[in-house]
C-alpha atoms as a PDB file:
ATOM      1  CA  MET A   1      70.562  92.407 145.173  1.00  0.00           C
ATOM      2  CA  PRO A   2      73.324  90.629 143.228  1.00  0.00           C
ATOM      3  CA  LYS A   3      72.747  89.865 139.577  1.00  0.00           C
ATOM      4  CA  PRO A   4      72.222  86.203 138.685  1.00  0.00           C
ATOM      5  CA  TRP A   5      75.342  86.285 136.522  1.00  0.00           C
ATOM      6  CA  GLU A   6      77.588  87.744 139.248  1.00  0.00           C
ATOM      7  CA  PRO A   7      80.896  85.854 138.889  1.00  0.00           C
ATOM      8  CA  LYS A   8      82.900  84.302 141.693  1.00  0.00           C
ATOM      9  CA  PHE A   9      86.627  83.872 141.956  1.00  0.00           C
ATOM     10  CA  THR A  10      87.951  80.379 142.724  1.00  0.00           C
ATOM     11  CA  GLU A  11      91.322  78.678 142.563  1.00  0.00           C
ATOM     12  CA  LYS A  12      90.600  78.018 138.869  1.00  0.00           C
ATOM     13  CA  GLY A  13      89.784  81.656 138.133  1.00  0.00           C
ATOM     14  CA  TRP A  14      86.529  83.506 137.618  1.00  0.00           C
ATOM     15  CA  THR A  15      83.449  81.310 137.256  1.00  0.00           C
ATOM     16  CA  VAL A  16      79.745  81.864 136.835  1.00  0.00           C
ATOM     17  CA  SER A  17      76.868  79.794 138.171  1.00  0.00           C
ATOM     18  CA  PHE A  18      73.153  80.441 137.652  1.00  0.00           C
ATOM     19  CA  SER A  19      69.901  78.694 136.738  1.00  0.00           C
ATOM     20  CA  ILE A  20      67.609  79.255 133.759  1.00  0.00           C
ATOM     21  CA  GLU A  21      64.203  77.536 133.834  1.00  0.00           C
ATOM     22  CA  GLY A  22      65.522  74.898 136.211  1.00  0.00           C
ATOM     23  CA  ARG A  23      68.665  74.232 134.147  1.00  0.00           C
ATOM     24  CA  ARG A  24      71.880  74.824 136.060  1.00  0.00           C
ATOM     25  CA  ILE A  25      74.750  76.485 134.205  1.00  0.00           C
ATOM     26  CA  ARG A  26      78.247  76.465 135.653  1.00  0.00           C
ATOM     27  CA  ARG A  27      81.129  77.716 133.569  1.00  0.00           C
ATOM     28  CA  ARG A  28      84.675  78.948 133.859  1.00  0.00           C
ATOM     29  CA  LEU A  29      85.085  82.325 132.232  1.00  0.00           C
ATOM     30  CA  GLY A  30      88.678  81.800 131.107  1.00  0.00           C
ATOM     31  CA  ILE A  31      89.869  84.744 133.234  1.00  0.00           C
ATOM     32  CA  ARG A  32      92.281  83.747 135.966  1.00  0.00           C
ATOM     33  CA  ASP A  33      93.480  87.139 137.191  1.00  0.00           C
ATOM     34  CA  LYS A  34      91.573  88.156 140.326  1.00  0.00           C
ATOM     35  CA  SER A  35      92.050  91.854 139.551  1.00  0.00           C
ATOM     36  CA  LEU A  36      90.047  91.569 136.315  1.00  0.00           C
ATOM     37  CA  LYS A  37      86.672  91.504 137.994  1.00  0.00           C
ATOM     38  CA  THR A  38      85.171  94.086 135.634  1.00  0.00           C
ATOM     39  CA  LEU A  39      86.055  91.977 132.620  1.00  0.00           C
ATOM     40  CA  ALA A  40      84.778  88.864 134.383  1.00  0.00           C
ATOM     41  CA  ARG A  41      81.426  90.543 135.069  1.00  0.00           C
ATOM     42  CA  LEU A  42      81.065  91.582 131.420  1.00  0.00           C
ATOM     43  CA  LYS A  43      81.888  88.071 130.265  1.00  0.00           C
ATOM     44  CA  ALA A  44      79.512  86.532 132.816  1.00  0.00           C
ATOM     45  CA  GLN A  45      76.691  88.810 131.689  1.00  0.00           C
ATOM     46  CA  GLN A  46      77.276  87.773 128.072  1.00  0.00           C
ATOM     47  CA  VAL A  47      77.201  84.085 129.060  1.00  0.00           C
ATOM     48  CA  TYR A  48      73.895  84.710 130.834  1.00  0.00           C
ATOM     49  CA  LYS A  49      72.426  86.390 127.742  1.00  0.00           C
ATOM     50  CA  ASP A  50      73.662  83.609 125.473  1.00  0.00           C
ATOM     51  CA  GLU A  51      72.147  80.903 127.663  1.00  0.00           C
ATOM     52  CA  TRP A  52      68.790  82.688 127.677  1.00  0.00           C
ATOM     53  CA  GLU A  53      69.020  82.903 123.872  1.00  0.00           C
ATOM     54  CA  ILE A  54      69.516  79.146 123.726  1.00  0.00           C
ATOM     55  CA  GLN A  55      66.576  78.638 126.096  1.00  0.00           C
ATOM     56  CA  LEU A  56      64.286  80.746 123.913  1.00  0.00           C
ATOM     57  CA  THR A  57      65.401  79.679 120.442  1.00  0.00           C
ATOM     58  CA  GLY A  58      66.842  76.211 120.970  1.00  0.00           C
ATOM     59  CA  PRO A  59      70.426  74.948 121.020  1.00  0.00           C
ATOM     60  CA  VAL A  60      72.951  76.267 118.529  1.00  0.00           C
ATOM     61  CA  ILE A  61      75.770  74.414 116.803  1.00  0.00           C
ATOM     62  CA  ARG A  62      78.971  74.951 118.709  1.00  0.00           C
ATOM     63  CA  GLY A  63      81.683  76.804 116.831  1.00  0.00           C
ATOM     64  CA  VAL A  64      85.233  75.805 115.965  1.00  0.00           C
ATOM     65  CA  PRO A  65      87.527  75.565 119.002  1.00  0.00           C
ATOM     66  CA  PHE A  66      90.316  78.142 118.974  1.00  0.00           C
ATOM     67  CA  TRP A  67      93.012  75.466 119.276  1.00  0.00           C
ATOM     68  CA  GLU A  68      91.642  73.667 116.206  1.00  0.00           C
ATOM     69  CA  ALA A  69      91.484  76.885 114.192  1.00  0.00           C
ATOM     70  CA  ALA A  70      95.020  77.735 115.277  1.00  0.00           C
ATOM     71  CA  LYS A  71      96.293  74.337 114.137  1.00  0.00           C
ATOM     72  CA  GLY A  72      94.680  74.786 110.733  1.00  0.00           C
ATOM     73  CA  TYR A  73      96.097  78.299 110.481  1.00  0.00           C
ATOM     74  CA  VAL A  74      99.640  77.053 111.135  1.00  0.00           C
ATOM     75  CA  ASP A  75      99.234  74.078 108.772  1.00  0.00           C
ATOM     76  CA  ALA A  76      98.212  76.579 106.078  1.00  0.00           C
ATOM     77  CA  GLY A  77     101.436  78.527 106.557  1.00  0.00           C
ATOM     78  CA  GLY A  78     100.495  80.965 109.320  1.00  0.00           C
ATOM     79  CA  GLU A  79     103.016  82.043 111.923  1.00  0.00           C
ATOM     80  CA  ALA A  80     103.044  79.758 114.969  1.00  0.00           C
ATOM     81  CA  ARG A  81     105.436  81.740 117.153  1.00  0.00           C
ATOM     82  CA  PHE A  82     102.958  83.250 119.644  1.00  0.00           C
ATOM     83  CA  LEU A  83     100.150  80.704 119.458  1.00  0.00           C
ATOM     84  CA  PRO A  84     101.136  78.075 122.093  1.00  0.00           C
ATOM     85  CA  LYS A  85     100.574  80.498 124.990  1.00  0.00           C
ATOM     86  CA  LEU A  86      97.274  81.644 123.504  1.00  0.00           C
ATOM     87  CA  ILE A  87      96.053  78.089 122.992  1.00  0.00           C
ATOM     88  CA  ALA A  88      96.979  77.245 126.583  1.00  0.00           C
ATOM     89  CA  HIS A  89      95.098  80.300 127.795  1.00  0.00           C
ATOM     90  CA  PHE A  90      91.857  79.550 125.946  1.00  0.00           C
ATOM     91  CA  GLY A  91      92.013  75.823 126.629  1.00  0.00           C
ATOM     92  CA  PRO A  92      90.186  73.040 124.766  1.00  0.00           C
ATOM     93  CA  ASP A  93      86.690  74.495 124.854  1.00  0.00           C
ATOM     94  CA  ALA A  94      86.788  78.169 123.854  1.00  0.00           C
ATOM     95  CA  THR A  95      85.528  78.655 120.296  1.00  0.00           C
ATOM     96  CA  ILE A  96      86.449  81.401 117.873  1.00  0.00           C
ATOM     97  CA  ASP A  97      82.894  82.771 118.101  1.00  0.00           C
ATOM     98  CA  GLU A  98      83.287  83.208 121.843  1.00  0.00           C
ATOM     99  CA  ILE A  99      86.463  85.270 121.564  1.00  0.00           C
ATOM    100  CA  GLY A 100      85.714  88.976 121.381  1.00  0.00           C
ATOM    101  CA  GLU A 101      87.232  92.181 122.700  1.00  0.00           C
ATOM    102  CA  ILE A 102      86.745  91.239 126.350  1.00  0.00           C
ATOM    103  CA  GLU A 103      88.442  87.880 125.896  1.00  0.00           C
ATOM    104  CA  ILE A 104      91.342  89.371 123.930  1.00  0.00           C
ATOM    105  CA  VAL A 105      91.988  92.039 126.565  1.00  0.00           C
ATOM    106  CA  ALA A 106      91.804  89.461 129.356  1.00  0.00           C
ATOM    107  CA  CYS A 107      94.190  87.169 127.492  1.00  0.00           C
ATOM    108  CA  ALA A 108      96.716  89.962 126.972  1.00  0.00           C
ATOM    109  CA  MET A 109      96.626  91.003 130.620  1.00  0.00           C
ATOM    110  CA  GLU A 110      97.014  87.435 131.866  1.00  0.00           C
ATOM    111  CA  VAL A 111      99.565  86.055 129.407  1.00  0.00           C
ATOM    112  CA  TYR A 112     101.715  89.197 129.219  1.00  0.00           C
ATOM    113  CA  PRO A 113     100.776  91.221 132.334  1.00  0.00           C
ATOM    114  CA  ASP A 114     103.958  93.315 132.390  1.00  0.00           C
ATOM    115  CA  ALA A 115     104.389  93.805 128.649  1.00  0.00           C
ATOM    116  CA  ALA A 116     104.039  97.112 126.838  1.00  0.00           C
ATOM    117  CA  PRO A 117     100.749  97.704 124.996  1.00  0.00           C
ATOM    118  CA  ASP A 118     102.441  97.309 121.616  1.00  0.00           C
ATOM    119  CA  THR A 119     103.900  93.965 122.685  1.00  0.00           C
ATOM    120  CA  GLN A 120     100.475  92.795 123.860  1.00  0.00           C
ATOM    121  CA  ARG A 121      98.997  93.891 120.547  1.00  0.00           C
ATOM    122  CA  ARG A 122     101.683  92.132 118.487  1.00  0.00           C
ATOM    123  CA  GLN A 123     101.771  88.897 120.486  1.00  0.00           C
ATOM    124  CA  VAL A 124      98.096  88.555 121.443  1.00  0.00           C
ATOM    125  CA  ARG A 125      95.652  90.646 119.439  1.00  0.00           C
ATOM    126  CA  VAL A 126      97.308  90.228 116.034  1.00  0.00           C
ATOM    127  CA  PRO A 127      97.709  86.419 116.134  1.00  0.00           C
ATOM    128  CA  ILE A 128      94.246  85.853 117.639  1.00  0.00           C
ATOM    129  CA  ASN A 129      92.621  87.944 114.918  1.00  0.00           C
ATOM    130  CA  ALA A 130      94.715  86.213 112.250  1.00  0.00           C
ATOM    131  CA  VAL A 131      93.506  82.785 113.402  1.00  0.00           C
ATOM    132  CA  ILE A 132      89.878  83.896 113.575  1.00  0.00           C
ATOM    133  CA  ARG A 133      90.001  85.520 110.129  1.00  0.00           C
ATOM    134  CA  TRP A 134      91.602  82.391 108.686  1.00  0.00           C
ATOM    135  CA  ALA A 135      88.951  80.139 110.239  1.00  0.00           C
ATOM    136  CA  LYS A 136      86.138  82.333 108.906  1.00  0.00           C
ATOM    137  CA  GLY A 137      87.570  82.429 105.406  1.00  0.00           C
ATOM    138  CA  GLU A 138      88.450  86.109 105.675  1.00  0.00           C
ATOM    139  CA  ARG A 139      92.181  85.564 105.403  1.00  0.00           C
ATOM    140  CA  ARG A 140      94.251  87.424 102.852  1.00  0.00           C
ATOM    141  CA  LYS A 141      94.494  85.292  99.735  1.00  0.00           C
ATOM    142  CA  PRO A 142      97.498  85.137  97.440  1.00  0.00           C
ATOM    143  CA  ARG A 143      97.188  87.022  94.205  1.00  0.00           C
ATOM    144  CA  THR A 144      96.540  84.903  91.170  1.00  0.00           C
ATOM    145  CA  ASP A 145      96.809  87.619  88.539  1.00  0.00           C
ATOM    146  CA  ASN A 146     100.006  88.500  86.718  1.00  0.00           C
ATOM    147  CA  VAL A 147     101.125  91.664  88.477  1.00  0.00           C
ATOM    148  CA  ASN A 148     103.107  93.987  86.215  1.00  0.00           C
ATOM    149  CA  THR A 149     106.689  94.182  87.461  1.00  0.00           C
ATOM    150  CA  ARG A 150     108.109  95.840  84.344  1.00  0.00           C
ATOM    151  CA  TRP A 151     111.269  97.761  85.174  1.00  0.00           C
ATOM    152  CA  LEU A 152     113.790  99.493  82.964  1.00  0.00           C
ATOM    153  CA  GLU A 153     117.295  98.316  82.296  1.00  0.00           C
ATOM    154  CA  PRO A 154     119.742 101.219  82.766  1.00  0.00           C
ATOM    155  CA  GLU A 155     120.279 101.317  79.009  1.00  0.00           C
ATOM    156  CA  GLU A 156     116.511 101.624  78.458  1.00  0.00           C
ATOM    157  CA  PHE A 157     116.276 104.451  80.945  1.00  0.00           C
ATOM    158  CA  GLU A 158     119.072 106.323  79.165  1.00  0.00           C
ATOM    159  CA  ARG A 159     117.070 106.105  75.938  1.00  0.00           C
ATOM    160  CA  LEU A 160     113.984 107.397  77.731  1.00  0.00           C
ATOM    161  CA  LEU A 161     116.041 110.199  79.261  1.00  0.00           C
ATOM    162  CA  ASP A 162     117.438 111.246  75.890  1.00  0.00           C
ATOM    163  CA  ALA A 163     113.946 111.303  74.379  1.00  0.00           C
ATOM    164  CA  ALA A 164     112.354 113.276  77.259  1.00  0.00           C
ATOM    165  CA  GLY A 165     111.672 116.960  76.859  1.00  0.00           C
ATOM    166  CA  PRO A 166     113.257 119.488  79.249  1.00  0.00           C
ATOM    167  CA  HIS A 167     110.138 119.616  81.412  1.00  0.00           C
ATOM    168  CA  LEU A 168     109.807 115.819  81.808  1.00  0.00           C
ATOM    169  CA  ARG A 169     113.510 115.062  82.254  1.00  0.00           C
ATOM    170  CA  PRO A 170     113.849 116.241  85.906  1.00  0.00           C
ATOM    171  CA  MET A 171     110.714 114.357  86.896  1.00  0.00           C
ATOM    172  CA  ILE A 172     111.728 110.970  85.533  1.00  0.00           C
ATOM    173  CA  ALA A 173     115.176 111.471  87.094  1.00  0.00           C
ATOM    174  CA  PHE A 174     113.473 112.065  90.449  1.00  0.00           C
ATOM    175  CA  LEU A 175     111.086 109.130  90.097  1.00  0.00           C
ATOM    176  CA  VAL A 176     113.752 106.568  89.186  1.00  0.00           C
ATOM    177  CA  GLY A 177     116.080 107.859  91.895  1.00  0.00           C
ATOM    178  CA  SER A 178     113.539 108.031  94.726  1.00  0.00           C
ATOM    179  CA  GLY A 179     111.020 105.265  94.061  1.00  0.00           C
ATOM    180  CA  CYS A 180     108.185 107.755  94.552  1.00  0.00           C
ATOM    181  CA  ARG A 181     104.782 107.448  93.006  1.00  0.00           C
ATOM    182  CA  THR A 182     103.879 110.328  90.713  1.00  0.00           C
ATOM    183  CA  GLY A 183     101.370 111.744  93.220  1.00  0.00           C
ATOM    184  CA  GLU A 184     104.064 111.778  95.909  1.00  0.00           C
ATOM    185  CA  MET A 185     106.372 113.665  93.567  1.00  0.00           C
ATOM    186  CA  PHE A 186     103.752 116.302  92.793  1.00  0.00           C
ATOM    187  CA  ALA A 187     103.080 116.772  96.526  1.00  0.00           C
ATOM    188  CA  LEU A 188     106.752 117.239  97.459  1.00  0.00           C
ATOM    189  CA  ASP A 189     107.292 120.684  98.947  1.00  0.00           C
ATOM    190  CA  ALA A 190     110.597 122.511  98.560  1.00  0.00           C
ATOM    191  CA  ASN A 191     110.532 123.319 102.267  1.00  0.00           C
ATOM    192  CA  ASP A 192     110.550 119.587 103.001  1.00  0.00           C
ATOM    193  CA  TRP A 193     113.633 119.025 100.850  1.00  0.00           C
ATOM    194  CA  ARG A 194     117.048 118.614 102.560  1.00  0.00           C
ATOM    195  CA  PRO A 195     119.744 119.336  99.975  1.00  0.00           C
ATOM    196  CA  GLU A 196     122.587 118.545 102.372  1.00  0.00           C
ATOM    197  CA  THR A 197     121.463 114.920 102.675  1.00  0.00           C
ATOM    198  CA  ARG A 198     119.597 114.670  99.357  1.00  0.00           C
ATOM    199  CA  GLN A 199     116.442 113.707 101.254  1.00  0.00           C
ATOM    200  CA  GLY A 200     112.827 114.676 100.765  1.00  0.00           C
ATOM    201  CA  TRP A 201     109.924 114.268 103.159  1.00  0.00           C
ATOM    202  CA  ILE A 202     106.920 112.604 101.528  1.00  0.00           C
ATOM    203  CA  ALA A 203     103.704 113.727 103.205  1.00  0.00           C
ATOM    204  CA  GLY A 204     101.681 110.602 102.505  1.00  0.00           C
ATOM    205  CA  GLU A 205      98.740 111.929 104.488  1.00  0.00           C
ATOM    206  CA  GLU A 206      98.019 114.506 101.773  1.00  0.00           C
ATOM    207  CA  GLU A 207      95.087 113.404  99.619  1.00  0.00           C
ATOM    208  CA  GLY A 208      96.283 112.098  96.285  1.00  0.00           C
ATOM    209  CA  ALA A 209      99.900 111.925  97.428  1.00  0.00           C
ATOM    210  CA  GLY A 210     100.233 108.673  99.326  1.00  0.00           C
ATOM    211  CA  LYS A 211      98.676 105.260  99.047  1.00  0.00           C
ATOM    212  CA  THR A 212      98.888 103.799 102.572  1.00  0.00           C
ATOM    213  CA  ALA A 213      99.897 104.888 106.054  1.00  0.00           C
ATOM    214  CA  THR A 214     103.472 103.838 105.293  1.00  0.00           C
ATOM    215  CA  SER A 215     103.691 106.319 102.413  1.00  0.00           C
ATOM    216  CA  THR A 216     104.746 109.019 104.870  1.00  0.00           C
ATOM    217  CA  ARG A 217     108.531 108.766 104.901  1.00  0.00           C
ATOM    218  CA  PHE A 218     111.882 110.219 103.856  1.00  0.00           C
ATOM    219  CA  VAL A 219     113.267 109.314 100.452  1.00  0.00           C
ATOM    220  CA  ARG A 220     116.913 109.711  99.470  1.00  0.00           C
ATOM    221  CA  LEU A 221     118.154 110.399  95.964  1.00  0.00           C
ATOM    222  CA  PRO A 222     121.439 109.302  94.411  1.00  0.00           C
ATOM    223  CA  GLN A 223     123.678 112.101  93.176  1.00  0.00           C
ATOM    224  CA  ARG A 224     122.922 111.364  89.525  1.00  0.00           C
ATOM    225  CA  SER A 225     119.248 112.201  90.055  1.00  0.00           C
ATOM    226  CA  ILE A 226     120.225 115.483  91.693  1.00  0.00           C
ATOM    227  CA  ASP A 227     122.455 116.349  88.749  1.00  0.00           C
ATOM    228  CA  LEU A 228     119.757 115.532  86.204  1.00  0.00           C
ATOM    229  CA  MET A 229     117.067 117.451  88.089  1.00  0.00           C
ATOM    230  CA  GLY A 230     118.961 120.738  87.958  1.00  0.00           C
ATOM    231  CA  GLU A 231     117.728 123.791  89.851  1.00  0.00           C
ATOM    232  CA  ARG A 232     114.441 123.342  91.682  1.00  0.00           C
ATOM    233  CA  PRO A 233     112.085 125.898  93.279  1.00  0.00           C
ATOM    234  CA  THR A 234     113.110 126.965  96.771  1.00  0.00           C
ATOM    235  CA  ASP A 235     109.536 127.466  97.978  1.00  0.00           C
ATOM    236  CA  GLY A 236     106.233 125.776  97.233  1.00  0.00           C
ATOM    237  CA  LYS A 237     105.989 122.565  95.213  1.00  0.00           C
ATOM    238  CA  MET A 238     109.240 121.292  93.738  1.00  0.00           C
ATOM    239  CA  PHE A 239     107.681 120.102  90.489  1.00  0.00           C
ATOM    240  CA  LEU A 240     105.426 122.419  88.510  1.00  0.00           C
ATOM    241  CA  THR A 241     103.477 122.328  85.246  1.00  0.00           C
ATOM    242  CA  PRO A 242     104.922 124.008  82.145  1.00  0.00           C
ATOM    243  CA  LYS A 243     102.828 127.022  83.188  1.00  0.00           C
ATOM    244  CA  ARG A 244     104.651 127.061  86.553  1.00  0.00           C
ATOM    245  CA  GLN A 245     101.584 125.926  88.481  1.00  0.00           C
ATOM    246  CA  PRO A 246     101.388 123.056  91.010  1.00  0.00           C
ATOM    247  CA  TYR A 247     100.030 119.789  89.674  1.00  0.00           C
ATOM    248  CA  LYS A 248      96.540 118.921  90.838  1.00  0.00           C
ATOM    249  CA  LEU A 249      96.569 115.864  93.074  1.00  0.00           C
ATOM    250  CA  ARG A 250      93.931 113.263  92.261  1.00  0.00           C
ATOM    251  CA  PHE A 251      92.694 110.807  94.854  1.00  0.00           C
ATOM    252  CA  LYS A 252      93.472 107.300  93.556  1.00  0.00           C
ATOM    253  CA  GLY A 253      94.222 108.848  90.194  1.00  0.00           C
ATOM    254  CA  GLY A 254      97.092 109.970  88.034  1.00  0.00           C
ATOM    255  CA  GLY A 255      97.839 110.718  84.416  1.00  0.00           C
ATOM    256  CA  GLN A 256      99.175 114.248  84.910  1.00  0.00           C
ATOM    257  CA  ILE A 257     102.276 113.581  82.775  1.00  0.00           C
ATOM    258  CA  LYS A 258     100.863 110.803  80.587  1.00  0.00           C
ATOM    259  CA  VAL A 259     101.021 112.693  77.272  1.00  0.00           C
ATOM    260  CA  ALA A 260     104.621 113.843  77.707  1.00  0.00           C
ATOM    261  CA  PHE A 261     105.744 110.485  79.060  1.00  0.00           C
ATOM    262  CA  ASP A 262     104.068 108.475  76.291  1.00  0.00           C
ATOM    263  CA  LYS A 263     105.711 110.681  73.675  1.00  0.00           C
ATOM    264  CA  ALA A 264     109.172 110.107  75.173  1.00  0.00           C
ATOM    265  CA  ARG A 265     108.530 106.387  75.618  1.00  0.00           C
ATOM    266  CA  ASP A 266     107.517 105.955  71.990  1.00  0.00           C
ATOM    267  CA  ALA A 267     110.533 107.929  70.776  1.00  0.00           C
ATOM    268  CA  ALA A 268     112.792 105.716  72.919  1.00  0.00           C
ATOM    269  CA  GLY A 269     111.366 102.581  71.308  1.00  0.00           C
ATOM    270  CA  LEU A 270     109.940 101.169  74.549  1.00  0.00           C
ATOM    271  CA  GLU A 271     106.789  99.048  74.724  1.00  0.00           C
ATOM    272  CA  LYS A 272     103.540 101.011  74.600  1.00  0.00           C
ATOM    273  CA  GLU A 273     101.099  98.126  75.014  1.00  0.00           C
ATOM    274  CA  GLY A 274     100.884  94.574  76.282  1.00  0.00           C
ATOM    275  CA  PRO A 275     102.196  93.091  79.555  1.00  0.00           C
ATOM    276  CA  ARG A 276     105.517  94.964  79.221  1.00  0.00           C
ATOM    277  CA  LYS A 277     103.962  98.353  78.621  1.00  0.00           C
ATOM    278  CA  VAL A 278     106.137 101.138  80.021  1.00  0.00           C
ATOM    279  CA  THR A 279     104.346 103.697  82.204  1.00  0.00           C
ATOM    280  CA  PRO A 280     105.575 106.258  84.756  1.00  0.00           C
ATOM    281  CA  HIS A 281     104.930 103.680  87.491  1.00  0.00           C
ATOM    282  CA  CYS A 282     107.590 101.438  85.905  1.00  0.00           C
ATOM    283  CA  LEU A 283     110.121 103.954  87.239  1.00  0.00           C
ATOM    284  CA  ARG A 284     109.091 102.972  90.782  1.00  0.00           C
ATOM    285  CA  HIS A 285     109.634  99.327  89.835  1.00  0.00           C
ATOM    286  CA  SER A 286     112.992 100.310  88.334  1.00  0.00           C
ATOM    287  CA  TRP A 287     114.090 102.101  91.498  1.00  0.00           C
ATOM    288  CA  ALA A 288     113.188  99.075  93.639  1.00  0.00           C
ATOM    289  CA  THR A 289     115.117  96.713  91.365  1.00  0.00           C
ATOM    290  CA  TRP A 290     118.120  99.015  91.077  1.00  0.00           C
ATOM    291  CA  PHE A 291     118.233  99.848  94.787  1.00  0.00           C
ATOM    292  CA  TYR A 292     118.198  96.239  95.927  1.00  0.00           C
ATOM    293  CA  ALA A 293     120.647  95.110  93.232  1.00  0.00           C
ATOM    294  CA  GLN A 294     123.232  97.539  94.610  1.00  0.00           C
ATOM    295  CA  THR A 295     122.477  97.437  98.349  1.00  0.00           C
ATOM    296  CA  ARG A 296     120.884  94.058  99.198  1.00  0.00           C
ATOM    297  CA  ASP A 297     119.084  96.076 101.871  1.00  0.00           C
ATOM    298  CA  PHE A 298     115.520  94.743 102.095  1.00  0.00           C
ATOM    299  CA  GLY A 299     114.680  96.828 105.170  1.00  0.00           C
ATOM    300  CA  GLY A 300     115.800  99.954 103.354  1.00  0.00           C
ATOM    301  CA  LEU A 301     113.784  98.895 100.323  1.00  0.00           C
ATOM    302  CA  MET A 302     110.636  98.640 102.462  1.00  0.00           C
ATOM    303  CA  ASP A 303     111.219 101.897 104.347  1.00  0.00           C
ATOM    304  CA  LEU A 304     112.341 104.068 101.460  1.00  0.00           C
ATOM    305  CA  GLY A 305     109.729 102.594  99.117  1.00  0.00           C
ATOM    306  CA  GLY A 306     106.881 103.102 101.563  1.00  0.00           C
ATOM    307  CA  TRP A 307     105.314  99.670 101.144  1.00  0.00           C
ATOM    308  CA  ALA A 308     102.707  98.574 103.675  1.00  0.00           C
ATOM    309  CA  LYS A 309     103.401  94.872 103.056  1.00  0.00           C
ATOM    310  CA  SER A 310     106.474  93.026 101.937  1.00  0.00           C
ATOM    311  CA  ASP A 311     104.796  91.122  99.086  1.00  0.00           C
ATOM    312  CA  MET A 312     105.419  93.673  96.345  1.00  0.00           C
ATOM    313  CA  ALA A 313     108.837  94.773  97.580  1.00  0.00           C
ATOM    314  CA  ASN A 314     109.919  91.145  97.809  1.00  0.00           C
ATOM    315  CA  ARG A 315     109.488  90.677  94.062  1.00  0.00           C
ATOM    316  CA  TYR A 316     112.460  92.896  93.318  1.00  0.00           C
ATOM    317  CA  ARG A 317     114.916  90.712  95.205  1.00  0.00           C
ATOM    318  CA  LYS A 318     114.543  88.017  92.587  1.00  0.00           C
ATOM    319  CA  ILE A 319     114.310  89.510  89.125  1.00  0.00           C
ATOM    320  CA  ALA A 320     117.574  91.409  88.517  1.00  0.00           C
ATOM    321  CA  PRO A 321     120.520  89.925  86.590  1.00  0.00           C
ATOM    322  CA  ASP A 322     123.824  89.535  88.403  1.00  0.00           C
ATOM    323  CA  ASP A 323     125.549  92.310  86.455  1.00  0.00           C
ATOM    324  CA  LEU A 324     122.916  94.995  87.099  1.00  0.00           C
ATOM    325  CA  ALA A 325     124.757  96.655  89.986  1.00  0.00           C
ATOM    326  CA  GLU A 326     127.917  97.196  87.936  1.00  0.00           C
ATOM    327  CA  ARG A 327     126.005  98.368  84.889  1.00  0.00           C
ATOM    328  CA  LEU A 328     124.240 100.952  87.039  1.00  0.00           C
ATOM    329  CA  HIS A 329     127.608 102.157  88.345  1.00  0.00           C
ATOM    330  CA  SER A 330     128.817 102.565  84.772  1.00  0.00           C
ATOM    331  CA  PHE A 331     125.977 105.048  84.170  1.00  0.00           C
ATOM    332  CA  GLY A 332     126.701 106.933  87.392  1.00  0.00           C
ATOM    333  CA  TRP A 333     123.982 105.444  89.600  1.00  0.00           C
ATOM    334  CA  ASP A 334     124.961 104.731  93.215  1.00  0.00           C
ATOM    335  CA  PHE A 335     122.263 103.715  95.697  1.00  0.00           C
ATOM    336  CA  GLY A 336     124.708 102.204  98.190  1.00  0.00           C
ATOM    337  CA  GLN A 337     124.570 104.881 100.871  1.00  0.00           C
ATOM    338  CA  GLU A 338     123.574 104.400 104.495  1.00  0.00           C
ATOM    339  CA  THR A 339     119.781 104.652 104.489  1.00  0.00           C
ATOM    340  CA  GLY A 340     119.486 106.141 107.983  1.00  0.00           C
ATOM    341  CA  ASN A 341     116.145 106.805 109.665  1.00  0.00           C
ATOM    342  CA  THR A 342     113.428 107.142 107.036  1.00  0.00           C
ATOM    343  CA  LYS A 343     110.479 107.421 109.396  1.00  0.00           C
ATOM    344  CA  GLN A 344     111.124 110.425 111.662  1.00  0.00           C
ATOM    345  CA  ARG A 345     109.846 113.701 110.267  1.00  0.00           C
ATOM    346  CA  PRO A 346     112.050 116.760 110.864  1.00  0.00           C
ATOM    347  CA  LYS A 347     110.817 119.060 113.587  1.00  0.00           C
ATOM    348  CA  LEU A 348     111.777 122.154 111.609  1.00  0.00           C
ATOM    349  CA  ARG A 349     110.988 122.843 108.003  1.00  0.00           C
ATOM    350  CA  VAL A 350     114.168 123.386 106.050  1.00  0.00           C
ATOM    351  CA  VAL A 351     114.231 126.343 103.687  1.00  0.00           C
ATOM    352  CA  LYS A 352     116.861 126.288 100.966  1.00  0.00           C
ATOM    353  CA  GLN A 353     119.039 129.388 101.105  1.00  0.00           C
END
């Protein structure tokens, strides 16, 4: 015996028609592809359940239409590129509360039936979810705090370098030349170092090493960093404690070189408190500023820096003086090499001979 919510296919797509306590409900399901019967049945069953809920508990206030939420999202600065087709698909009546996984899948298969899954995700799932999150007040909000973007002028770094002890010196040379976080540096394995291209593979998936999924990447060092680093271990971790032991990685933590760094910073006459306080993380800010000043390569900045979002990386396009690139060259820093592919991990581990 057919279920009361069994959908039927008409020239306007899948529809459902049933009665609840003498009240007739007829509704289009918003699915126009005849081959999507399974999705249509799931949607029809949900409509049936919802109508019984209304019958038992009373009418509910109808939610915000998707088209209205999309308009507000665009007016607030959201990307409009893929929304017209989605608005046309959902029509004037579909509300954001009615759009779930079934509706998103159906929309992707109808609007972009021949597209690759990643294209469907980028042009359907991502914008739909962005509109819904915006309408529900779950959108990402701009930061209102004063984020520390302290970076070192090349002259300041030279002072820090001169004040650093022999154990700290190679590490700060690596950090300012690679843009790595300290945890990523401590996790770097000598077998993942490619001396012929001056590249290192950062295994961001290691606990305490990375910060986001994009942390896993290649970094490339300028020749000056290589020269300052000197000889490195050919097996195991590239950076070791003064007792020749690997540094302990700390999940969402750091501070392994704080004492040595603070001592060098103070001797170099750099700020030790306040909004311009100099910390090891300032070397990552310095790399970003230096790299972009010499290359103007924002894609390379994102890839080599391992940022998940462009917000932070974008800051460093705006804060460097016009003469920074030449001043860096005068101290032997050259970041202007071809960045290459920073995302593909080598298939073979390279062992330094």
